[in-house]
Amino acid sequence: MASSEFIFDTAETTFEHDVVSRSYETPVVVDFWAPWCGPCKTLGPILEMLAQECAGSFLLAKVNVDENSGLAVRFGVQGIPSIKAYRNGEIMAEFNGSAPERTVREFIQKVAPSETDNIIIEATSLLAIRQWEQAEERLRIVLDSQSHNSVATLGLVRALIAQGKGDEAIAFINDFPAGSEIVAAQQLKPLAQLLAEVDVPPTRDTADMETLEAQYWQSARLLARGQHAAAMDGLLEVLRYDKNFRKGEPKLVILSMFALLGEEDPLTREYRDELASILF
C-alpha cells in the first residue's frame, strides 16, 4: 500500500472513527481486499493513485478481510474487491469487482468531485440552458490548467459552435485530446467547418449564385446568428431539391446540429423526423 496521509489501513476496532466519523467531514472510500486476491492487486493501485491525485478530496481506507472478517460480514461483502464510499456516516455509492481506471475515476468524481469537476458540472448546466458565453468562460478556466481534459474540450467546442465561432472550434477538434469524447467532437465538425467558411468573405455576391447555393449560404448565416430552426428549414429545403448537394453536406450539418442541441431537444425531435422523410 502507498504511504500517504490520504490512505490508511483500518480495522474492526477503529472503523467507526476512521471511516464513519471522518466521513462527516470528508468522503471516505473503503477498499475491502485481501493479499491473495488477483483483482485487488489491479484495483488497489488505481484507487491509491487517485487518492494521491485528489490530495484530500476523499480518503481511502483499506480493510484486509482476512484480518477483519467481522467487518466483511457486517457490510455484506461476498466477494472482493468490494468498494464502498461513505459520506455523512452512510454508504452513498459502491461497486464490486475490478474495473478500469476510467470507470474508477468516474466513480470517484461522483463521490468526491474536485473543484475542476464542479466547474465542469456548472458549465454543463450552462450549456443545457444555452448560456453559451458563460459556459465558454467556465470551460476555459478548466483548460487553462488541464489542457488535455477531453470533457471540458468537448464542452468548449459546443459553446464555440453555438456562438458561430467555427474557426476556433475546428482548431480544438483537430487537436482534440485522447478520450471517448472525440467521437462526439467529430460529429460536430461539419457544422464547425460550415461556420468557419461563413467567416470568409464571399468571392461573389449571393445574388449571382445559383438558387440552391444561395439558399445554403443563407442557412449558414442563420446558423452563425443562432437562428437554428430557420437555418434547418433552409437546409432541408436544399435537400428536397438535391439530396447530393455538395456531396450531402447539408445532411451532415443538420446531424451536427442534432449533436449540438442534444437528442431530447424539441428541435432535434422535430427536424429529425423531417430529415428522415426527405432522405427515405
C-alpha atoms as a PDB file:
ATOM      1  CA  MET A   1       0.000   0.000   0.000  1.00  0.00           C
ATOM      2  CA  ALA A   2       1.217   3.514  -0.840  1.00  0.00           C
ATOM      3  CA  SER A   3       2.113   5.523   2.243  1.00  0.00           C
ATOM      4  CA  SER A   4       0.113   8.745   2.384  1.00  0.00           C
ATOM      5  CA  GLU A   5      -1.912  10.956   4.696  1.00  0.00           C
ATOM      6  CA  PHE A   6      -4.832  10.209   2.387  1.00  0.00           C
ATOM      7  CA  ILE A   7      -4.535   6.393   2.518  1.00  0.00           C
ATOM      8  CA  PHE A   8      -4.632   4.265   5.652  1.00  0.00           C
ATOM      9  CA  ASP A   9      -5.421   0.798   6.995  1.00  0.00           C
ATOM     10  CA  THR A  10      -8.460   0.407   9.202  1.00  0.00           C
ATOM     11  CA  ALA A  11      -9.786  -2.462  11.316  1.00  0.00           C
ATOM     12  CA  GLU A  12     -12.849  -3.573  13.276  1.00  0.00           C
ATOM     13  CA  THR A  13     -11.752  -1.678  16.386  1.00  0.00           C
ATOM     14  CA  THR A  14     -11.113   1.627  14.570  1.00  0.00           C
ATOM     15  CA  PHE A  15     -13.617   1.534  11.707  1.00  0.00           C
ATOM     16  CA  GLU A  16     -16.213   3.775  13.400  1.00  0.00           C
ATOM     17  CA  HIS A  17     -13.649   6.520  13.959  1.00  0.00           C
ATOM     18  CA  ASP A  18     -11.586   6.034  10.803  1.00  0.00           C
ATOM     19  CA  VAL A  19     -14.476   5.789   8.379  1.00  0.00           C
ATOM     20  CA  VAL A  20     -17.905   6.613   9.780  1.00  0.00           C
ATOM     21  CA  SER A  21     -16.951   9.661  11.868  1.00  0.00           C
ATOM     22  CA  ARG A  22     -14.444  11.075   9.380  1.00  0.00           C
ATOM     23  CA  SER A  23     -16.948  10.779   6.529  1.00  0.00           C
ATOM     24  CA  TYR A  24     -18.922  13.683   8.028  1.00  0.00           C
ATOM     25  CA  GLU A  25     -16.025  15.939   7.072  1.00  0.00           C
ATOM     26  CA  THR A  26     -14.518  14.188   4.025  1.00  0.00           C
ATOM     27  CA  PRO A  27     -15.855  11.338   1.857  1.00  0.00           C
ATOM     28  CA  VAL A  28     -14.151   8.043   2.718  1.00  0.00           C
ATOM     29  CA  VAL A  29     -13.789   5.247   0.159  1.00  0.00           C
ATOM     30  CA  VAL A  30     -13.303   1.805   1.725  1.00  0.00           C
ATOM     31  CA  ASP A  31     -11.428  -0.890  -0.187  1.00  0.00           C
ATOM     32  CA  PHE A  32     -12.205  -4.406   1.086  1.00  0.00           C
ATOM     33  CA  TRP A  33      -9.310  -6.527  -0.173  1.00  0.00           C
ATOM     34  CA  ALA A  34      -7.001  -9.468   0.592  1.00  0.00           C
ATOM     35  CA  PRO A  35      -3.335 -10.176  -0.229  1.00  0.00           C
ATOM     36  CA  TRP A  36      -4.184 -13.310  -2.241  1.00  0.00           C
ATOM     37  CA  CYS A  37      -6.838 -11.540  -4.418  1.00  0.00           C
ATOM     38  CA  GLY A  38      -5.644 -11.023  -8.002  1.00  0.00           C
ATOM     39  CA  PRO A  39      -8.223  -8.360  -8.989  1.00  0.00           C
ATOM     40  CA  CYS A  40      -7.421  -6.494  -5.750  1.00  0.00           C
ATOM     41  CA  LYS A  41      -3.823  -6.131  -6.927  1.00  0.00           C
ATOM     42  CA  THR A  42      -5.116  -4.362 -10.043  1.00  0.00           C
ATOM     43  CA  LEU A  43      -7.778  -2.176  -8.461  1.00  0.00           C
ATOM     44  CA  GLY A  44      -5.884  -1.209  -5.311  1.00  0.00           C
ATOM     45  CA  PRO A  45      -3.111   0.760  -7.062  1.00  0.00           C
ATOM     46  CA  ILE A  46      -5.690   2.650  -9.142  1.00  0.00           C
ATOM     47  CA  LEU A  47      -7.550   3.730  -6.009  1.00  0.00           C
ATOM     48  CA  GLU A  48      -4.297   4.708  -4.311  1.00  0.00           C
ATOM     49  CA  MET A  49      -3.173   6.722  -7.328  1.00  0.00           C
ATOM     50  CA  LEU A  50      -6.473   8.624  -7.372  1.00  0.00           C
ATOM     51  CA  ALA A  51      -6.320   9.249  -3.629  1.00  0.00           C
ATOM     52  CA  GLN A  52      -2.892  10.810  -4.086  1.00  0.00           C
ATOM     53  CA  GLU A  53      -4.003  12.740  -7.151  1.00  0.00           C
ATOM     54  CA  CYS A  54      -7.115  14.140  -5.465  1.00  0.00           C
ATOM     55  CA  ALA A  55      -4.985  15.233  -2.494  1.00  0.00           C
ATOM     56  CA  GLY A  56      -7.612  15.051   0.205  1.00  0.00           C
ATOM     57  CA  SER A  57     -10.924  15.437  -1.616  1.00  0.00           C
ATOM     58  CA  PHE A  58     -11.528  11.877  -0.396  1.00  0.00           C
ATOM     59  CA  LEU A  59      -9.752   9.453   1.933  1.00  0.00           C
ATOM     60  CA  LEU A  60      -9.001   5.814   1.116  1.00  0.00           C
ATOM     61  CA  ALA A  61      -9.417   3.269   3.905  1.00  0.00           C
ATOM     62  CA  LYS A  62      -8.075  -0.263   3.308  1.00  0.00           C
ATOM     63  CA  VAL A  63      -9.705  -3.271   5.002  1.00  0.00           C
ATOM     64  CA  ASN A  64      -7.879  -6.588   4.825  1.00  0.00           C
ATOM     65  CA  VAL A  65     -10.803  -9.027   5.023  1.00  0.00           C
ATOM     66  CA  ASP A  66      -8.559 -11.880   6.184  1.00  0.00           C
ATOM     67  CA  GLU A  67      -7.768  -9.889   9.298  1.00  0.00           C
ATOM     68  CA  ASN A  68     -11.197  -8.248   9.662  1.00  0.00           C
ATOM     69  CA  SER A  69     -13.779 -10.859   8.729  1.00  0.00           C
ATOM     70  CA  GLY A  70     -16.302  -9.260  11.089  1.00  0.00           C
ATOM     71  CA  LEU A  71     -16.358  -6.101   9.010  1.00  0.00           C
ATOM     72  CA  ALA A  72     -16.817  -8.106   5.840  1.00  0.00           C
ATOM     73  CA  VAL A  73     -19.813  -9.895   7.375  1.00  0.00           C
ATOM     74  CA  ARG A  74     -21.233  -6.673   8.817  1.00  0.00           C
ATOM     75  CA  PHE A  75     -21.285  -4.964   5.419  1.00  0.00           C
ATOM     76  CA  GLY A  76     -22.318  -7.987   3.370  1.00  0.00           C
ATOM     77  CA  VAL A  77     -19.062  -8.345   1.483  1.00  0.00           C
ATOM     78  CA  GLN A  78     -19.431 -11.562  -0.504  1.00  0.00           C
ATOM     79  CA  GLY A  79     -16.609 -11.038  -2.980  1.00  0.00           C
ATOM     80  CA  ILE A  80     -13.551  -8.868  -3.263  1.00  0.00           C
ATOM     81  CA  PRO A  81     -12.502  -6.335  -4.174  1.00  0.00           C
ATOM     82  CA  SER A  82     -15.562  -4.541  -2.803  1.00  0.00           C
ATOM     83  CA  ILE A  83     -15.606  -0.736  -2.745  1.00  0.00           C
ATOM     84  CA  LYS A  84     -17.941   1.301  -0.544  1.00  0.00           C
ATOM     85  CA  ALA A  85     -17.984   5.099  -0.352  1.00  0.00           C
ATOM     86  CA  TYR A  86     -19.131   6.809   2.840  1.00  0.00           C
ATOM     87  CA  ARG A  87     -20.455  10.317   3.252  1.00  0.00           C
ATOM     88  CA  ASN A  88     -22.127  11.690   6.396  1.00  0.00           C
ATOM     89  CA  GLY A  89     -21.822   8.327   8.090  1.00  0.00           C
ATOM     90  CA  GLU A  90     -23.635   6.319   5.423  1.00  0.00           C
ATOM     91  CA  ILE A  91     -22.773   4.340   2.288  1.00  0.00           C
ATOM     92  CA  MET A  92     -23.625   6.578  -0.644  1.00  0.00           C
ATOM     93  CA  ALA A  93     -22.135   4.555  -3.518  1.00  0.00           C
ATOM     94  CA  GLU A  94     -20.443   1.193  -4.059  1.00  0.00           C
ATOM     95  CA  PHE A  95     -19.272  -1.335  -6.638  1.00  0.00           C
ATOM     96  CA  ASN A  96     -17.824  -4.835  -6.613  1.00  0.00           C
ATOM     97  CA  GLY A  97     -15.022  -6.415  -8.610  1.00  0.00           C
ATOM     98  CA  SER A  98     -12.176  -4.853 -10.530  1.00  0.00           C
ATOM     99  CA  ALA A  99     -12.726  -2.006 -13.003  1.00  0.00           C
ATOM    100  CA  PRO A 100     -10.637   0.002 -15.494  1.00  0.00           C
ATOM    101  CA  GLU A 101      -9.162   3.309 -14.421  1.00  0.00           C
ATOM    102  CA  ARG A 102     -11.723   5.366 -16.328  1.00  0.00           C
ATOM    103  CA  THR A 103     -14.628   3.664 -14.533  1.00  0.00           C
ATOM    104  CA  VAL A 104     -12.961   4.064 -11.136  1.00  0.00           C
ATOM    105  CA  ARG A 105     -12.209   7.720 -11.888  1.00  0.00           C
ATOM    106  CA  GLU A 106     -15.865   8.354 -12.775  1.00  0.00           C
ATOM    107  CA  PHE A 107     -16.909   6.665  -9.515  1.00  0.00           C
ATOM    108  CA  ILE A 108     -14.582   8.912  -7.505  1.00  0.00           C
ATOM    109  CA  GLN A 109     -15.785  12.028  -9.332  1.00  0.00           C
ATOM    110  CA  LYS A 110     -19.343  11.266  -8.197  1.00  0.00           C
ATOM    111  CA  VAL A 111     -18.267  10.507  -4.650  1.00  0.00           C
ATOM    112  CA  ALA A 112     -15.890  13.445  -4.207  1.00  0.00           C
ATOM    113  CA  PRO A 113     -15.987  15.906  -7.110  1.00  0.00           C
ATOM    114  CA  SER A 114     -12.918  18.130  -7.294  1.00  0.00           C
ATOM    115  CA  GLU A 115     -13.033  21.875  -7.913  1.00  0.00           C
ATOM    116  CA  THR A 116     -12.413  21.149 -11.590  1.00  0.00           C
ATOM    117  CA  ASP A 117     -15.261  18.622 -11.650  1.00  0.00           C
ATOM    118  CA  ASN A 118     -17.578  21.184 -10.089  1.00  0.00           C
ATOM    119  CA  ILE A 119     -16.665  23.783 -12.713  1.00  0.00           C
ATOM    120  CA  ILE A 120     -17.384  21.257 -15.487  1.00  0.00           C
ATOM    121  CA  ILE A 121     -20.727  20.389 -13.866  1.00  0.00           C
ATOM    122  CA  GLU A 122     -21.583  24.092 -13.730  1.00  0.00           C
ATOM    123  CA  ALA A 123     -20.548  24.578 -17.359  1.00  0.00           C
ATOM    124  CA  THR A 124     -22.592  21.567 -18.453  1.00  0.00           C
ATOM    125  CA  SER A 125     -25.651  23.096 -16.802  1.00  0.00           C
ATOM    126  CA  LEU A 126     -24.984  26.362 -18.624  1.00  0.00           C
ATOM    127  CA  LEU A 127     -24.721  24.504 -21.934  1.00  0.00           C
ATOM    128  CA  ALA A 128     -28.051  22.806 -21.241  1.00  0.00           C
ATOM    129  CA  ILE A 129     -29.806  26.169 -20.923  1.00  0.00           C
ATOM    130  CA  ARG A 130     -27.862  27.616 -23.875  1.00  0.00           C
ATOM    131  CA  GLN A 131     -25.837  30.107 -21.886  1.00  0.00           C
ATOM    132  CA  TRP A 132     -23.032  29.572 -24.362  1.00  0.00           C
ATOM    133  CA  GLU A 133     -20.802  32.514 -23.488  1.00  0.00           C
ATOM    134  CA  GLN A 134     -20.877  31.804 -19.749  1.00  0.00           C
ATOM    135  CA  ALA A 135     -20.189  28.111 -20.378  1.00  0.00           C
ATOM    136  CA  GLU A 136     -17.213  29.020 -22.577  1.00  0.00           C
ATOM    137  CA  GLU A 137     -15.775  31.179 -19.799  1.00  0.00           C
ATOM    138  CA  ARG A 138     -16.019  28.381 -17.219  1.00  0.00           C
ATOM    139  CA  LEU A 139     -14.582  25.738 -19.517  1.00  0.00           C
ATOM    140  CA  ARG A 140     -11.589  27.878 -20.449  1.00  0.00           C
ATOM    141  CA  ILE A 141     -10.758  28.069 -16.730  1.00  0.00           C
ATOM    142  CA  VAL A 142     -10.530  24.265 -16.677  1.00  0.00           C
ATOM    143  CA  LEU A 143      -8.462  24.056 -19.855  1.00  0.00           C
ATOM    144  CA  ASP A 144      -6.034  26.706 -18.626  1.00  0.00           C
ATOM    145  CA  SER A 145      -4.822  24.184 -16.042  1.00  0.00           C
ATOM    146  CA  GLN A 146      -5.847  20.896 -17.720  1.00  0.00           C
ATOM    147  CA  SER A 147      -5.364  21.374 -21.442  1.00  0.00           C
ATOM    148  CA  HIS A 148      -5.955  17.672 -22.147  1.00  0.00           C
ATOM    149  CA  ASN A 149      -9.298  17.430 -20.343  1.00  0.00           C
ATOM    150  CA  SER A 150     -11.438  15.884 -23.078  1.00  0.00           C
ATOM    151  CA  VAL A 151     -14.774  16.540 -21.321  1.00  0.00           C
ATOM    152  CA  ALA A 152     -14.017  20.257 -20.976  1.00  0.00           C
ATOM    153  CA  THR A 153     -12.708  20.422 -24.556  1.00  0.00           C
ATOM    154  CA  LEU A 154     -15.908  18.921 -25.963  1.00  0.00           C
ATOM    155  CA  GLY A 155     -17.997  21.344 -23.939  1.00  0.00           C
ATOM    156  CA  LEU A 156     -15.922  24.260 -25.219  1.00  0.00           C
ATOM    157  CA  VAL A 157     -16.310  23.072 -28.818  1.00  0.00           C
ATOM    158  CA  ARG A 158     -20.087  23.060 -28.346  1.00  0.00           C
ATOM    159  CA  ALA A 159     -20.061  26.530 -26.796  1.00  0.00           C
ATOM    160  CA  LEU A 160     -17.907  27.943 -29.595  1.00  0.00           C
ATOM    161  CA  ILE A 161     -20.013  26.432 -32.378  1.00  0.00           C
ATOM    162  CA  ALA A 162     -23.227  27.694 -30.794  1.00  0.00           C
ATOM    163  CA  GLN A 163     -21.750  31.208 -30.883  1.00  0.00           C
ATOM    164  CA  GLY A 164     -20.743  30.879 -34.533  1.00  0.00           C
ATOM    165  CA  LYS A 165     -17.013  30.625 -33.770  1.00  0.00           C
ATOM    166  CA  GLY A 166     -16.260  27.957 -36.360  1.00  0.00           C
ATOM    167  CA  ASP A 167     -12.527  28.578 -36.768  1.00  0.00           C
ATOM    168  CA  GLU A 168     -11.833  28.257 -33.032  1.00  0.00           C
ATOM    169  CA  ALA A 169     -13.974  25.136 -32.776  1.00  0.00           C
ATOM    170  CA  ILE A 170     -12.147  23.488 -35.689  1.00  0.00           C
ATOM    171  CA  ALA A 171      -8.786  24.183 -34.035  1.00  0.00           C
ATOM    172  CA  PHE A 172      -9.894  22.357 -30.875  1.00  0.00           C
ATOM    173  CA  ILE A 173     -11.436  19.470 -32.836  1.00  0.00           C
ATOM    174  CA  ASN A 174      -8.281  18.976 -34.902  1.00  0.00           C
ATOM    175  CA  ASP A 175      -6.142  18.908 -31.762  1.00  0.00           C
ATOM    176  CA  PHE A 176      -8.635  17.012 -29.607  1.00  0.00           C
ATOM    177  CA  PRO A 177      -7.144  15.201 -26.573  1.00  0.00           C
ATOM    178  CA  ALA A 178      -7.391  11.438 -26.132  1.00  0.00           C
ATOM    179  CA  GLY A 179     -10.735  10.274 -24.777  1.00  0.00           C
ATOM    180  CA  SER A 180     -14.053   8.817 -25.846  1.00  0.00           C
ATOM    181  CA  GLU A 181     -15.426  12.356 -26.327  1.00  0.00           C
ATOM    182  CA  ILE A 182     -13.502  12.595 -29.601  1.00  0.00           C
ATOM    183  CA  VAL A 183     -16.353  10.738 -31.351  1.00  0.00           C
ATOM    184  CA  ALA A 184     -18.840  13.437 -30.316  1.00  0.00           C
ATOM    185  CA  ALA A 185     -16.372  16.134 -31.365  1.00  0.00           C
ATOM    186  CA  GLN A 186     -16.107  14.636 -34.853  1.00  0.00           C
ATOM    187  CA  GLN A 187     -19.916  14.684 -35.135  1.00  0.00           C
ATOM    188  CA  LEU A 188     -19.786  18.454 -34.648  1.00  0.00           C
ATOM    189  CA  LYS A 189     -17.080  19.013 -37.250  1.00  0.00           C
ATOM    190  CA  PRO A 190     -19.288  19.532 -40.365  1.00  0.00           C
ATOM    191  CA  LEU A 191     -21.153  22.331 -38.586  1.00  0.00           C
ATOM    192  CA  ALA A 192     -17.922  23.913 -37.353  1.00  0.00           C
ATOM    193  CA  GLN A 193     -16.456  23.785 -40.880  1.00  0.00           C
ATOM    194  CA  LEU A 194     -19.501  25.484 -42.366  1.00  0.00           C
ATOM    195  CA  LEU A 195     -19.389  28.249 -39.764  1.00  0.00           C
ATOM    196  CA  ALA A 196     -15.697  28.727 -40.473  1.00  0.00           C
ATOM    197  CA  GLU A 197     -16.492  29.146 -44.173  1.00  0.00           C
ATOM    198  CA  VAL A 198     -19.171  31.729 -43.380  1.00  0.00           C
ATOM    199  CA  ASP A 199     -16.472  33.853 -41.708  1.00  0.00           C
ATOM    200  CA  VAL A 200     -14.618  34.089 -45.032  1.00  0.00           C
ATOM    201  CA  PRO A 201     -15.869  36.953 -47.269  1.00  0.00           C
ATOM    202  CA  PRO A 202     -17.642  35.513 -50.339  1.00  0.00           C
ATOM    203  CA  THR A 203     -15.882  35.725 -53.669  1.00  0.00           C
ATOM    204  CA  ARG A 204     -19.118  36.759 -55.357  1.00  0.00           C
ATOM    205  CA  ASP A 205     -22.434  38.283 -54.392  1.00  0.00           C
ATOM    206  CA  THR A 206     -25.209  35.971 -53.224  1.00  0.00           C
ATOM    207  CA  ALA A 207     -27.449  37.361 -55.985  1.00  0.00           C
ATOM    208  CA  ASP A 208     -25.063  35.883 -58.555  1.00  0.00           C
ATOM    209  CA  MET A 209     -25.172  32.402 -57.042  1.00  0.00           C
ATOM    210  CA  GLU A 210     -27.344  29.510 -58.142  1.00  0.00           C
ATOM    211  CA  THR A 211     -30.595  29.263 -56.161  1.00  0.00           C
ATOM    212  CA  LEU A 212     -29.562  26.247 -54.056  1.00  0.00           C
ATOM    213  CA  GLU A 213     -26.119  27.639 -53.316  1.00  0.00           C
ATOM    214  CA  ALA A 214     -27.613  30.965 -52.213  1.00  0.00           C
ATOM    215  CA  GLN A 215     -30.122  29.121 -50.009  1.00  0.00           C
ATOM    216  CA  TYR A 216     -27.335  27.080 -48.457  1.00  0.00           C
ATOM    217  CA  TRP A 217     -25.231  30.106 -47.536  1.00  0.00           C
ATOM    218  CA  GLN A 218     -28.242  31.949 -46.217  1.00  0.00           C
ATOM    219  CA  SER A 219     -28.868  28.968 -43.926  1.00  0.00           C
ATOM    220  CA  ALA A 220     -25.222  29.048 -42.840  1.00  0.00           C
ATOM    221  CA  ARG A 221     -25.519  32.711 -41.884  1.00  0.00           C
ATOM    222  CA  LEU A 222     -28.658  31.947 -39.882  1.00  0.00           C
ATOM    223  CA  LEU A 223     -26.746  29.222 -38.036  1.00  0.00           C
ATOM    224  CA  ALA A 224     -23.966  31.674 -37.222  1.00  0.00           C
ATOM    225  CA  ARG A 225     -26.579  34.000 -35.693  1.00  0.00           C
ATOM    226  CA  GLY A 226     -28.083  31.200 -33.605  1.00  0.00           C
ATOM    227  CA  GLN A 227     -31.341  31.026 -35.585  1.00  0.00           C
ATOM    228  CA  HIS A 228     -31.342  27.249 -35.605  1.00  0.00           C
ATOM    229  CA  ALA A 229     -34.913  26.481 -36.660  1.00  0.00           C
ATOM    230  CA  ALA A 230     -34.848  28.875 -39.618  1.00  0.00           C
ATOM    231  CA  ALA A 231     -31.428  27.554 -40.645  1.00  0.00           C
ATOM    232  CA  MET A 232     -32.560  23.936 -40.598  1.00  0.00           C
ATOM    233  CA  ASP A 233     -35.665  24.862 -42.593  1.00  0.00           C
ATOM    234  CA  GLY A 234     -33.352  26.238 -45.265  1.00  0.00           C
ATOM    235  CA  LEU A 235     -31.034  23.224 -45.203  1.00  0.00           C
ATOM    236  CA  LEU A 236     -33.983  20.851 -45.536  1.00  0.00           C
ATOM    237  CA  GLU A 237     -35.234  22.870 -48.495  1.00  0.00           C
ATOM    238  CA  VAL A 238     -31.857  22.401 -50.183  1.00  0.00           C
ATOM    239  CA  LEU A 239     -32.058  18.639 -49.601  1.00  0.00           C
ATOM    240  CA  ARG A 240     -35.570  18.482 -51.008  1.00  0.00           C
ATOM    241  CA  TYR A 241     -34.237  19.787 -54.305  1.00  0.00           C
ATOM    242  CA  ASP A 242     -30.926  17.936 -54.307  1.00  0.00           C
ATOM    243  CA  LYS A 243     -30.011  15.260 -51.746  1.00  0.00           C
ATOM    244  CA  ASN A 244     -26.452  15.192 -53.107  1.00  0.00           C
ATOM    245  CA  PHE A 245     -25.828  18.936 -52.963  1.00  0.00           C
ATOM    246  CA  ARG A 246     -22.154  19.448 -52.025  1.00  0.00           C
ATOM    247  CA  LYS A 247     -21.917  15.656 -51.616  1.00  0.00           C
ATOM    248  CA  GLY A 248     -24.659  15.563 -48.987  1.00  0.00           C
ATOM    249  CA  GLU A 249     -23.109  18.274 -46.796  1.00  0.00           C
ATOM    250  CA  PRO A 250     -26.471  19.783 -45.683  1.00  0.00           C
ATOM    251  CA  LYS A 251     -27.428  16.440 -44.150  1.00  0.00           C
ATOM    252  CA  LEU A 252     -24.152  16.250 -42.225  1.00  0.00           C
ATOM    253  CA  VAL A 253     -24.614  19.810 -40.978  1.00  0.00           C
ATOM    254  CA  ILE A 254     -28.133  19.028 -39.759  1.00  0.00           C
ATOM    255  CA  LEU A 255     -26.867  15.915 -37.968  1.00  0.00           C
ATOM    256  CA  SER A 256     -24.208  18.110 -36.362  1.00  0.00           C
ATOM    257  CA  MET A 257     -26.986  20.419 -35.195  1.00  0.00           C
ATOM    258  CA  PHE A 258     -28.711  17.474 -33.540  1.00  0.00           C
ATOM    259  CA  ALA A 259     -25.453  16.617 -31.781  1.00  0.00           C
ATOM    260  CA  LEU A 260     -25.095  20.229 -30.625  1.00  0.00           C
ATOM    261  CA  LEU A 261     -28.640  20.561 -29.309  1.00  0.00           C
ATOM    262  CA  GLY A 262     -28.957  17.037 -27.867  1.00  0.00           C
ATOM    263  CA  GLU A 263     -31.327  14.186 -28.611  1.00  0.00           C
ATOM    264  CA  GLU A 264     -34.018  15.432 -26.218  1.00  0.00           C
ATOM    265  CA  ASP A 265     -34.180  18.951 -27.610  1.00  0.00           C
ATOM    266  CA  PRO A 266     -37.582  19.699 -29.229  1.00  0.00           C
ATOM    267  CA  LEU A 267     -35.880  20.967 -32.387  1.00  0.00           C
ATOM    268  CA  THR A 268     -33.909  17.738 -32.713  1.00  0.00           C
ATOM    269  CA  ARG A 269     -37.023  15.596 -32.401  1.00  0.00           C
ATOM    270  CA  GLU A 270     -38.993  17.731 -34.866  1.00  0.00           C
ATOM    271  CA  TYR A 271     -36.317  18.082 -37.525  1.00  0.00           C
ATOM    272  CA  ARG A 272     -35.036  14.503 -37.260  1.00  0.00           C
ATOM    273  CA  ASP A 273     -38.445  13.311 -38.464  1.00  0.00           C
ATOM    274  CA  GLU A 274     -38.437  15.870 -41.288  1.00  0.00           C
ATOM    275  CA  LEU A 275     -34.925  14.857 -42.338  1.00  0.00           C
ATOM    276  CA  ALA A 276     -35.924  11.193 -42.404  1.00  0.00           C
ATOM    277  CA  SER A 277     -38.982  11.917 -44.536  1.00  0.00           C
ATOM    278  CA  ILE A 278     -36.812  13.677 -47.109  1.00  0.00           C
ATOM    279  CA  LEU A 279     -33.992  11.115 -47.215  1.00  0.00           C
ATOM    280  CA  PHE A 280     -36.101   7.994 -47.093  1.00  0.00           C
END
